[in-house]
């Protein structure tokens, strides 16, 4: 429902390599650069299940360092879960 008004190309849910459990954030690629810009504008400051979202724009593509590219893709990701202090 969060992205129902936006055209999503794909979602990559980050998972812990050892446990397979979700790490608390995802990468969402939009269909076009315009879709990504609208998602950033519309979803910045939104909450999901009581948690604030951190929405960033990236050009997309592997090896991208966050700059814009000609691929027209963008990503939006929620804030990672807070880590609990280790009991060591």
Protein backbone atom coordinates (compact mmCIF):
# COMPACT_ATOMS: atom_id res chain seq x y z
CA UNK A 1 0.00 0.00 0.00
CA UNK A 2 2.89 2.38 0.68
CA UNK A 3 3.79 2.54 -3.02
CA UNK A 4 0.28 2.12 -4.47
CA UNK A 5 0.42 5.57 -6.10
CA UNK A 6 3.91 4.97 -7.53
CA UNK A 7 5.13 2.69 -10.33
CA UNK A 8 7.56 0.24 -8.72
CA UNK A 9 9.93 -1.75 -10.96
CA UNK A 10 11.37 -3.99 -8.23
CA UNK A 11 12.02 -4.26 -4.50
CA UNK A 12 15.13 -5.76 -2.91
CA UNK A 13 14.58 -6.55 0.77
CA UNK A 14 17.94 -6.69 2.56
CA UNK A 15 18.36 -9.87 4.63
CA UNK A 16 21.00 -11.03 7.08
CA UNK A 17 23.35 -13.48 5.35
CA UNK A 18 23.57 -15.80 8.35
CA UNK A 19 19.97 -15.85 9.60
CA UNK A 20 18.02 -14.90 6.47
CA UNK A 21 15.97 -12.47 8.58
CA UNK A 22 15.14 -9.01 7.18
CA UNK A 23 17.69 -6.35 8.16
CA UNK A 24 15.04 -3.61 8.40
CA UNK A 25 15.51 -1.82 5.09
CA UNK A 26 14.90 -2.28 1.39
CA UNK A 27 15.86 -0.83 -1.96
CA UNK A 28 12.94 0.10 -4.20
CA UNK A 29 13.54 0.78 -7.90
CA UNK A 30 10.90 2.86 -9.62
CA UNK A 31 9.86 2.57 -13.28
CA UNK A 32 11.17 6.03 -14.26
CA UNK A 33 13.26 8.86 -12.86
CA UNK A 34 10.05 10.90 -12.54
CA UNK A 35 8.40 8.11 -10.53
CA UNK A 36 11.43 8.03 -8.22
CA UNK A 37 11.39 11.81 -7.76
CA UNK A 38 7.65 11.74 -6.95
CA UNK A 39 8.14 8.88 -4.47
CA UNK A 40 10.92 10.80 -2.72
CA UNK A 41 8.81 13.97 -2.60
CA UNK A 42 5.61 12.19 -1.47
CA UNK A 43 7.08 9.66 0.97
CA UNK A 44 9.75 11.73 2.74
CA UNK A 45 8.62 12.04 6.36
CA UNK A 46 6.13 9.16 6.04
CA UNK A 47 5.89 6.33 8.55
CA UNK A 48 5.49 2.59 8.04
CA UNK A 49 4.20 0.56 11.00
CA UNK A 50 5.03 3.46 13.31
CA UNK A 51 8.60 3.80 12.02
CA UNK A 52 9.85 6.86 10.13
CA UNK A 53 11.09 6.26 6.59
CA UNK A 54 14.36 7.55 5.21
CA UNK A 55 13.87 8.14 1.52
CA UNK A 56 16.90 8.75 -0.68
CA UNK A 57 17.31 9.10 -4.43
CA UNK A 58 19.98 7.22 -6.33
CA UNK A 59 20.62 6.81 -10.02
CA UNK A 60 20.36 3.05 -9.58
CA UNK A 61 22.48 0.40 -11.22
CA UNK A 62 25.25 -1.73 -9.74
CA UNK A 63 28.28 0.14 -8.51
CA UNK A 64 26.38 3.41 -8.40
CA UNK A 65 27.73 5.77 -5.77
CA UNK A 66 24.48 7.70 -5.39
CA UNK A 67 24.79 10.00 -8.39
CA UNK A 68 22.21 10.31 -11.11
CA UNK A 69 22.57 8.15 -14.18
CA UNK A 70 20.82 7.96 -17.53
CA UNK A 71 18.98 4.77 -16.49
CA UNK A 72 16.13 6.78 -14.95
CA UNK A 73 15.82 4.56 -11.90
CA UNK A 74 15.63 5.64 -8.27
CA UNK A 75 15.56 4.00 -4.88
CA UNK A 76 13.67 4.64 -1.68
CA UNK A 77 14.54 2.87 1.56
CA UNK A 78 13.25 2.91 5.14
CA UNK A 79 15.53 3.65 8.08
CA UNK A 80 17.40 0.52 9.26
CA UNK A 81 16.29 -0.92 12.60
CA UNK A 82 18.21 0.26 15.63
CA UNK A 83 20.80 -2.24 16.73
CA UNK A 84 20.57 -3.56 20.25
CA UNK A 85 23.71 -3.29 22.36
CA UNK A 86 25.57 -6.58 22.45
CA UNK A 87 25.77 -8.37 25.78
CA UNK A 88 29.44 -9.27 25.56
